[in-house]
Amino acid sequence: MSEIDQLLAQFMAGQTKQSKARSAVNGRFTKLLDSEINIGQGVRSRASRSQTSLRDLLRGENGRDSGFPRILQSVDSDFLGGSFDRHVKVWPLDDIDVFFPIDGSGLYYTEHGQRSRFHVRTDDSTLPNPLYSDTVSRWTKPDGTISSAKLLSGFKAVLKRRYPNTKVAIDGQAINTQFSIDASNESDGLGFDVVPCFSLFDSYRMEPDIYVIPDGNDGWISTNPRLDKVVSTNLQANNDKCHRPSVKLVKYWNKTQLSSKISSYYIELAVSRDLETRNARGETVTRISEAVALGFQALADALQSGDLQPRIRQAPMVEDGGVTHSEKNTVAAAARLANLALGYENQGDEENAIACWEVVFNDSF
C-alpha cells in the first residue's frame, strides 16, 4: 500500500469514527426529547380541539352581547402564541397562549402622551365601537382610556359562564382557564391563557407590528408573538431543524437543574439571537448536539449582560428571572462541558462525548 493509500485509509477510518460518534450522541438527544420533553401528537390534538371551542366562544360573544368587544376577523384574527405555537414548549403542556385582537374602530394609540404613528386595526371603521357604545363605562377608565383590567374581567365572565366547573382566573396579563385534560403529577392539566389585545401597525411601515396587551396593573405593554413565530420558523428551516430541539433541551435543563429559575422566553431569545447572528455570517448548524452546545454558551453569555433587549422597541426589557451569581456559574459550567462534549464528538470519541453530556443532564441523558 502506498503512503497516499495509507493516509487515505487513516482519513476514512477517522471519518467513520467521527460519524459513529455523532450518530450515537444525537441518537441520545433524540431519545431524551421523545421520552421527557416533546409534546405528544395526541396531546397536541386534544389541545387543538379545546382551543377551537374556546376561540369560537369569544369570537361569537359580540353576537350574543352587542356591548362585548368585537374580535377582529379580517385585517387580523385570534391566534395562538407563546412557546406552544413556536414548538419550543417543554412537557407538560400546561398553558397555551391565545391572543384575541379587539376591533379598534375609533381608537388611537399614544406614546409618551403623544398620539402615535401606530394605528389600531379595525375591520370596519364606520361601525360604532362597543368599547364606547354605552354610558356606564363598562370598558373604560374615568379618563376615557380603555381599561385592561375591565377587559380581563369581561372576558373572564364569558369564560366562566361557558365553563362553570372549570377554574377560570385572571393571572397577570391573561385569563387562565384550567381544564383537567391530561392532568398528571406534574401538571393540573391543560390550561389556556386568554389574552385580549389590540393589533397595531406603523403608518410609515418602518417598524414591525405591535400587539398591546394587559400589563396586570390596568395598563398596557407591547409585544409581538407573531414576530417571534417567524424568527423561530426561519431558524428551524435554516439550521437543519436543530433550532427548536436545542431550545427545548436548554429549557429542560433549566427546569431540572435550576428549577426553571431562568425565564423560558429569556432562554429562547438568547439562543435565537445568537443563532441569527451566526446565520447572518453564513454559518449554519446541522447537529442537535452542536446547537445545544451553542445554546448553552449563548445563555451563559447573555446572563453576564443581564436583561435582554426585546425584539420591538416598545416592549419592556426581557428579564432573566433574578438569576444569582452561583446560578450563572452553573450555566457557565454547563456551557464548558457542552463545548467539551462537542469537541470529543468531533474527534470521534463517542464514549467521552456521552460522558460529558451525562454530567450536564444527569440521569436524563
Foldseek 3Di string as FASTA:
>chain_A
DDPVVVVVVVVVVQVVLLVVLQVVVLVLLVVLCVPFWADDPVQVVVVVVVVVVLQVLLQCVCVVPVLAFHFDDPPDAKDWFDCVLLRQGTPDQAETEIETATADQPDFDDDPNHTALKGWHHPDNVDDGSCPPDDPNQQHDPVGHGFLVSNQVVSQVSVCVVVVPWDWADDFFFIKTGDCDPDDPVYSHYIYTYWYWIWIDRNVNPFDIWIWTGRRPRHTAIDDRVVVSVLSVVLCVQAQNQLSSLLNVVQVLCCVPVVSQFPSVLLSVQLSVQSVVCVVVVDHHHGNLVSNLSSLVSSLVVVVVAWAQGPGNRGDTHGGNPDDPVNSVLSVVLSVLSVVLVVCSSSSNNVSSVVSVCVSRPPSD
